[in-house]
N, C-alpha and C. Protein backbone atom coordinates (compact mmCIF):
# COMPACT_ATOMS: atom_id res chain seq x y z
N MET A 1 90.28 170.10 148.28
CA MET A 1 89.23 170.36 148.96
C MET A 1 89.01 171.80 149.16
N ARG A 2 90.21 172.11 149.59
CA ARG A 2 89.70 173.62 150.53
C ARG A 2 89.29 174.70 149.50
N GLN A 3 89.53 174.52 148.02
CA GLN A 3 89.16 175.17 147.18
C GLN A 3 87.47 175.25 146.99
N ALA A 4 86.75 174.17 147.88
CA ALA A 4 85.61 174.08 146.98
C ALA A 4 84.40 174.65 148.93
N VAL A 5 85.94 174.72 149.54
CA VAL A 5 84.84 175.30 151.14
C VAL A 5 83.99 176.69 150.44
N PRO A 6 84.46 177.71 150.13
CA PRO A 6 83.85 178.70 149.43
C PRO A 6 82.77 178.36 149.12
N TYR A 7 82.48 177.68 147.67
CA TYR A 7 81.62 177.47 146.94
C TYR A 7 80.39 176.84 147.90
N LEU A 8 80.66 175.83 148.72
CA LEU A 8 79.49 174.98 149.38
C LEU A 8 78.94 176.17 150.65
N ALA A 9 80.08 177.05 150.99
CA ALA A 9 79.56 177.92 152.21
C ALA A 9 78.45 178.70 151.08
N LEU A 10 78.65 179.09 150.04
CA LEU A 10 78.10 179.89 149.15
C LEU A 10 76.48 179.46 149.07
N GLY A 11 77.04 178.23 148.81
CA GLY A 11 75.31 177.21 148.71
C GLY A 11 74.43 177.23 149.54
N VAL A 12 75.18 176.54 150.82
CA VAL A 12 74.17 176.95 151.91
C VAL A 12 73.87 178.28 152.08
N VAL A 13 74.44 179.40 152.34
CA VAL A 13 73.68 180.27 152.26
C VAL A 13 72.46 180.94 151.12
N TYR A 14 72.47 180.53 149.81
CA TYR A 14 72.01 180.37 149.25
C TYR A 14 70.53 179.58 149.28
N LEU A 15 70.88 178.68 149.80
CA LEU A 15 69.48 177.40 150.09
C LEU A 15 68.81 177.84 151.01
N SER A 16 69.56 178.69 152.29
CA SER A 16 69.18 178.88 153.31
C SER A 16 68.16 180.48 153.07
N LEU A 17 68.46 181.51 151.80
CA LEU A 17 67.47 182.63 151.40
C LEU A 17 66.56 182.10 150.96
N SER A 18 66.14 181.07 150.28
CA SER A 18 65.19 180.69 149.49
C SER A 18 63.74 181.12 149.70
N THR A 19 62.84 181.71 149.27
CA THR A 19 61.12 181.59 149.83
C THR A 19 60.47 180.67 149.61
N PRO A 20 59.25 180.59 149.87
CA PRO A 20 58.27 179.32 149.38
C PRO A 20 57.88 179.98 148.51
N ALA A 21 57.55 178.64 147.43
CA ALA A 21 56.87 179.06 146.02
C ALA A 21 55.32 179.35 145.90
N PHE A 22 54.98 178.57 146.63
CA PHE A 22 53.38 178.67 146.95
C PHE A 22 53.05 177.77 145.23
N ALA A 23 53.26 176.95 144.61
CA ALA A 23 53.40 176.51 143.57
C ALA A 23 52.10 175.42 143.62
N TYR A 24 51.43 175.52 142.67
CA TYR A 24 49.93 174.71 142.23
C TYR A 24 50.58 173.64 141.46
N LEU A 25 50.01 172.72 141.96
CA LEU A 25 50.04 171.37 141.24
C LEU A 25 48.90 170.45 141.21
N ASP A 26 48.32 170.15 139.39
CA ASP A 26 47.05 169.93 139.36
C ASP A 26 47.33 168.19 139.45
N GLY A 27 46.29 167.59 138.96
CA GLY A 27 45.88 166.13 138.91
C GLY A 27 46.90 165.43 138.24
N ALA A 28 47.39 166.05 136.96
CA ALA A 28 48.10 165.40 135.86
C ALA A 28 49.38 165.01 136.55
N THR A 29 50.02 166.01 137.25
CA THR A 29 51.29 166.57 137.84
C THR A 29 51.83 164.83 138.25
N GLY A 30 51.17 164.39 139.36
CA GLY A 30 51.52 162.52 139.45
C GLY A 30 51.74 161.64 138.19
N SER A 31 50.80 162.30 137.22
CA SER A 31 50.71 161.09 136.49
C SER A 31 51.80 161.18 135.48
N MET A 32 52.25 162.45 135.61
CA MET A 32 53.33 163.14 134.61
C MET A 32 54.71 163.06 134.80
N LEU A 33 55.24 162.66 136.55
CA LEU A 33 56.13 162.56 137.48
C LEU A 33 55.73 161.09 137.20
N LEU A 34 55.45 160.22 137.39
CA LEU A 34 55.25 158.39 137.13
C LEU A 34 55.88 158.13 135.46
N GLN A 35 55.31 158.82 134.91
CA GLN A 35 55.55 158.54 133.56
C GLN A 35 56.79 158.72 133.37
N ALA A 36 57.83 160.00 133.68
CA ALA A 36 59.04 160.13 133.65
C ALA A 36 59.70 159.17 134.25
N ILE A 37 59.30 158.74 135.41
CA ILE A 37 60.13 157.76 136.66
C ILE A 37 60.18 156.53 135.53
N ILE A 38 58.55 156.17 135.01
CA ILE A 38 58.91 154.86 134.25
C ILE A 38 59.65 155.24 132.86
N GLY A 39 59.65 156.05 132.22
CA GLY A 39 60.34 156.12 130.88
C GLY A 39 61.82 156.10 130.74
N GLY A 40 62.48 157.01 132.13
CA GLY A 40 63.84 156.98 132.78
C GLY A 40 64.18 155.33 133.06
N THR A 41 63.36 154.73 133.70
CA THR A 41 63.72 153.09 134.15
C THR A 41 64.12 152.50 133.32
N ALA A 42 63.37 152.49 132.34
CA ALA A 42 63.03 151.68 130.87
C ALA A 42 64.17 152.32 129.97
N THR A 43 64.52 153.22 130.01
CA THR A 43 66.20 153.93 129.02
C THR A 43 66.96 153.39 129.70
N VAL A 44 67.31 153.09 131.29
CA VAL A 44 68.58 152.83 131.72
C VAL A 44 68.32 151.44 131.26
N ALA A 45 67.26 150.61 131.50
CA ALA A 45 67.00 149.05 131.59
C ALA A 45 67.81 148.57 129.84
N VAL A 46 67.16 149.15 128.57
CA VAL A 46 67.48 149.10 127.52
C VAL A 46 68.67 149.69 127.11
N VAL A 47 69.85 150.92 127.48
CA VAL A 47 70.86 150.98 127.47
C VAL A 47 71.78 150.49 128.20
N GLY A 48 71.51 149.67 129.19
CA GLY A 48 72.35 148.63 130.12
C GLY A 48 72.36 147.58 129.51
N ARG A 49 71.42 146.91 129.02
CA ARG A 49 71.15 145.52 128.29
C ARG A 49 72.04 145.74 126.73
N ASN A 50 72.31 146.75 126.12
CA ASN A 50 72.84 146.93 125.40
C ASN A 50 74.37 146.92 125.14
N TYR A 51 74.96 147.64 126.78
CA TYR A 51 75.91 147.31 126.74
C TYR A 51 76.32 146.22 127.83
N ILE A 52 76.09 145.60 128.24
CA ILE A 52 75.90 144.62 128.34
C ILE A 52 75.84 143.50 127.12
N ALA A 53 75.20 143.50 125.87
CA ALA A 53 75.64 142.29 125.42
C ALA A 53 76.86 142.65 124.22
N LYS A 54 77.58 144.37 124.66
CA LYS A 54 78.48 144.30 124.19
C LYS A 54 79.39 143.96 124.65
N ALA A 55 79.47 144.07 125.57
CA ALA A 55 80.57 143.66 126.52
C ALA A 55 80.59 142.13 126.79
N LYS A 56 79.46 141.36 126.60
CA LYS A 56 79.45 139.62 126.27
C LYS A 56 80.11 139.05 124.87
N GLN A 57 79.87 140.12 124.31
CA GLN A 57 80.39 139.84 122.35
C GLN A 57 81.98 140.29 122.76
N LEU A 58 82.29 140.89 123.44
CA LEU A 58 83.93 141.45 123.23
C LEU A 58 84.73 140.24 124.06
N LEU A 59 83.78 139.60 125.09
CA LEU A 59 84.51 138.49 125.64
C LEU A 59 84.33 137.36 125.59
N ALA A 60 83.32 137.47 124.59
CA ALA A 60 82.98 135.72 124.15
C ALA A 60 84.47 135.03 123.41
N ARG A 61 84.84 133.74 123.74
CA ARG A 61 85.91 133.45 123.32
C ARG A 61 85.80 133.11 121.39
N LYS A 62 85.96 133.45 120.80
CA LYS A 62 85.92 132.98 119.23
C LYS A 62 86.49 132.07 119.00
N PRO A 63 85.97 130.82 118.05
CA PRO A 63 86.24 129.65 117.61
C PRO A 63 87.61 129.53 116.87
N THR A 64 88.26 128.98 117.14
CA THR A 64 89.67 128.68 116.64
C THR A 64 89.61 127.84 115.32
N ARG A 65 89.93 128.31 114.11
CA ARG A 65 90.01 127.54 113.25
C ARG A 65 91.13 126.42 113.15
N LYS A 66 90.76 125.32 112.47
CA LYS A 66 92.11 124.12 111.70
C LYS A 66 92.08 124.18 110.65
């Protein structure tokens, strides 16, 4: 933890010295952000569903042969 203190202090100083960007955001920016959020959510859902299916498959009891 002591090793991280200088880096944290440097980060605080760096963030306090930033200047305003005065950036322009047009009308399409909001829809692009919404599209990125929806796409990220869908990706997490599909990947999660695949991992859950694999976990169920590993944990499923295999039928015994007689």
